[in-house]
């Protein structure tokens, strides 16, 4: 009976990866897109299929970061942040890692395994949830909590019931219960 090795398991199915990277802020804006094209070619060189990507945008960093280039230490307080999500062979991910390590214009990068789910849909769900929470008020009465949906109350207000009357009705219901 033949044992499966770890390498054979990795060959069985491709993985989904995401690369997050910080580029030095000294790159001209026109050259940033050229740099991203280099990253895309690196991924495609391992027969990777790009799923999604985030265009690099100049951001202030939470703390200063340093890299050594030609025996000289450079410190940066801002960087271009971007990301690429792709599907690729697990045995070839080291090629991508090595190419990114050699690039002197990358301050830092990280390669993580992830899932295929659309990144934007997750962000939209979070934003929608936060927005929904902002439109609610919690009323405490006699050790009970009730959540009042302000959007619903506004609709009732437009239908003839004022927001104040709606709140009064809710309070009365709480007192009766």
Protein backbone atom coordinates (compact mmCIF):
# COMPACT_ATOMS: atom_id res chain seq x y z
CA UNK A 1 0.00 0.00 0.00
CA UNK A 2 1.43 3.38 -1.07
CA UNK A 3 1.42 6.28 1.41
CA UNK A 4 0.37 9.74 0.26
CA UNK A 5 3.04 12.32 0.81
CA UNK A 6 2.45 15.94 1.66
CA UNK A 7 3.58 16.95 -1.84
CA UNK A 8 1.02 14.64 -3.45
CA UNK A 9 -1.71 16.19 -1.30
CA UNK A 10 -0.72 19.69 -2.39
CA UNK A 11 -0.82 18.66 -6.06
CA UNK A 12 -4.33 17.32 -5.63
CA UNK A 13 -5.98 20.74 -5.61
CA UNK A 14 -4.83 24.33 -6.07
CA UNK A 15 -4.99 26.77 -3.19
CA UNK A 16 -6.36 30.30 -2.98
CA UNK A 17 -3.78 32.85 -1.81
CA UNK A 18 -3.74 36.54 -1.08
CA UNK A 19 -0.63 38.71 -1.18
CA UNK A 20 -0.72 41.98 0.72
CA UNK A 21 2.17 44.33 0.08
CA UNK A 22 3.57 47.74 0.98
CA UNK A 23 5.57 49.58 -1.68
CA UNK A 24 7.98 52.43 -0.93
CA UNK A 25 6.29 55.83 -1.30
CA UNK A 26 9.15 57.15 -3.42
CA UNK A 27 7.87 55.31 -6.50
CA UNK A 28 6.26 57.66 -9.02
CA UNK A 29 2.50 57.10 -9.35
CA UNK A 30 2.92 56.07 -12.99
CA UNK A 31 5.45 53.42 -11.99
CA UNK A 32 3.17 51.88 -9.38
CA UNK A 33 0.97 50.35 -12.10
CA UNK A 34 4.11 48.97 -13.79
CA UNK A 35 5.10 47.39 -10.48
CA UNK A 36 1.67 45.79 -10.12
CA UNK A 37 2.03 44.38 -13.64
CA UNK A 38 5.33 42.79 -12.54
CA UNK A 39 3.53 41.20 -9.59
CA UNK A 40 0.82 39.89 -11.91
CA UNK A 41 3.46 38.36 -14.19
CA UNK A 42 5.09 36.66 -11.19
CA UNK A 43 1.75 35.08 -10.27
CA UNK A 44 1.08 34.09 -13.87
CA UNK A 45 4.58 32.58 -14.16
CA UNK A 46 3.48 29.81 -11.79
CA UNK A 47 0.30 29.37 -13.83
CA UNK A 48 -1.66 31.25 -11.16
CA UNK A 49 -5.10 32.63 -11.95
CA UNK A 50 -5.74 36.12 -10.56
CA UNK A 51 -9.16 36.33 -8.90
CA UNK A 52 -9.20 39.90 -7.56
CA UNK A 53 -6.86 42.72 -6.67
CA UNK A 54 -6.79 45.98 -4.80
CA UNK A 55 -5.14 48.91 -6.56
CA UNK A 56 -2.22 50.22 -4.48
CA UNK A 57 -3.10 53.43 -2.65
CA UNK A 58 -0.78 55.68 -0.70
CA UNK A 59 -1.53 55.32 3.03
CA UNK A 60 0.00 56.67 6.21
CA UNK A 61 1.47 53.82 8.23
CA UNK A 62 0.58 53.23 11.87
CA UNK A 63 4.31 53.25 12.64
CA UNK A 64 7.49 53.85 10.67
CA UNK A 65 8.98 50.88 8.83
CA UNK A 66 12.54 50.40 7.65
CA UNK A 67 14.23 48.40 4.91
CA UNK A 68 17.88 48.05 4.00
CA UNK A 69 18.75 48.68 0.35
CA UNK A 70 22.38 48.59 -0.83
CA UNK A 71 23.61 48.63 2.77
CA UNK A 72 21.62 51.77 3.51
CA UNK A 73 18.68 51.86 5.93
CA UNK A 74 15.58 53.67 4.64
CA UNK A 75 12.66 54.53 6.96
CA UNK A 76 9.14 55.27 5.71
CA UNK A 77 6.03 56.70 7.37
CA UNK A 78 3.75 56.01 4.40
CA UNK A 79 3.53 53.37 1.67
CA UNK A 80 1.44 52.17 -1.25
CA UNK A 81 -0.76 49.35 0.05
CA UNK A 82 -2.16 46.83 -2.44
CA UNK A 83 -3.18 43.19 -2.64
CA UNK A 84 -3.68 40.38 -5.13
CA UNK A 85 -5.90 37.33 -4.61
CA UNK A 86 -5.10 34.35 -6.82
CA UNK A 87 -5.45 30.62 -7.26
CA UNK A 88 -2.18 28.75 -7.63
CA UNK A 89 -0.27 25.55 -7.20
CA UNK A 90 0.83 25.09 -3.58
CA UNK A 91 4.17 23.67 -4.74
CA UNK A 92 4.97 26.88 -6.65
CA UNK A 93 4.14 29.48 -3.98
CA UNK A 94 7.82 29.61 -2.97
CA UNK A 95 8.63 31.10 -6.38
CA UNK A 96 6.28 34.01 -5.69
CA UNK A 97 7.67 34.40 -2.17
CA UNK A 98 11.26 34.51 -3.45
CA UNK A 99 10.43 37.08 -6.16
CA UNK A 100 8.78 39.38 -3.63
CA UNK A 101 11.72 39.00 -1.21
CA UNK A 102 14.18 40.12 -3.92
CA UNK A 103 12.27 43.32 -4.75
CA UNK A 104 13.91 46.36 -3.13
CA UNK A 105 10.79 48.51 -3.57
CA UNK A 106 8.69 46.32 -1.30
CA UNK A 107 8.78 47.36 2.36
CA UNK A 108 6.83 44.34 3.57
CA UNK A 109 4.55 41.67 2.15
CA UNK A 110 2.56 38.72 3.39
CA UNK A 111 1.19 35.70 1.56
CA UNK A 112 -1.76 33.95 3.18
CA UNK A 113 -4.04 31.08 2.27
CA UNK A 114 -7.62 32.26 2.00
CA UNK A 115 -10.99 31.28 0.56
CA UNK A 116 -12.59 32.00 -2.78
CA UNK A 117 -15.42 34.12 -1.33
CA UNK A 118 -15.59 37.60 -2.78
CA UNK A 119 -13.69 40.06 -0.59
CA UNK A 120 -15.94 42.97 -1.56
CA UNK A 121 -19.14 41.17 -0.52
CA UNK A 122 -17.72 40.64 2.98
CA UNK A 123 -16.86 44.33 3.30
CA UNK A 124 -20.32 45.34 2.05
CA UNK A 125 -21.96 43.08 4.66
CA UNK A 126 -19.90 44.66 7.45
CA UNK A 127 -20.76 48.19 6.31
CA UNK A 128 -24.46 47.32 6.01
CA UNK A 129 -24.43 45.81 9.49
CA UNK A 130 -22.75 48.89 10.99
CA UNK A 131 -25.24 51.16 9.22
CA UNK A 132 -28.14 49.10 10.54
CA UNK A 133 -26.79 49.33 14.09
CA UNK A 134 -26.54 53.13 13.84
CA UNK A 135 -30.25 53.30 13.03
CA UNK A 136 -31.36 51.55 16.21
CA UNK A 137 -31.93 52.82 19.72
CA UNK A 138 -32.00 50.61 22.80
CA UNK A 139 -34.60 51.60 25.38
CA UNK A 140 -34.34 50.22 28.95
CA UNK A 141 -37.46 50.11 31.03
CA UNK A 142 -37.99 48.01 34.16
CA UNK A 143 -34.89 45.84 33.57
CA UNK A 144 -36.00 45.02 30.00
CA UNK A 145 -34.32 46.11 26.80
CA UNK A 146 -36.18 46.83 23.58
CA UNK A 147 -34.57 47.83 20.31
CA UNK A 148 -36.34 50.50 18.30
CA UNK A 149 -35.62 50.54 14.58
CA UNK A 150 -35.38 54.24 13.69
CA UNK A 151 -35.86 53.59 9.96
CA UNK A 152 -39.09 51.74 10.69
CA UNK A 153 -40.25 54.56 12.95
CA UNK A 154 -39.43 57.10 10.24
CA UNK A 155 -41.55 55.15 7.75
CA UNK A 156 -44.40 55.10 10.26
CA UNK A 157 -43.92 58.84 10.68
CA UNK A 158 -44.30 59.36 6.95
CA UNK A 159 -47.47 57.28 7.07
CA UNK A 160 -49.06 59.61 9.62
CA UNK A 161 -47.58 58.38 12.89
CA UNK A 162 -44.93 60.67 14.32
CA UNK A 163 -41.66 59.39 15.68
CA UNK A 164 -42.59 60.69 19.14
CA UNK A 165 -45.92 58.84 19.06
CA UNK A 166 -44.13 55.67 17.97
CA UNK A 167 -41.71 55.93 20.87
CA UNK A 168 -44.59 56.65 23.26
CA UNK A 169 -46.40 53.54 21.99
CA UNK A 170 -43.27 51.45 22.44
CA UNK A 171 -42.80 52.71 25.99
CA UNK A 172 -46.46 51.96 26.77
CA UNK A 173 -46.04 48.44 25.46
CA UNK A 174 -42.96 48.00 27.65
CA UNK A 175 -44.85 49.23 30.72
CA UNK A 176 -47.80 46.91 30.00
CA UNK A 177 -45.57 43.89 29.43
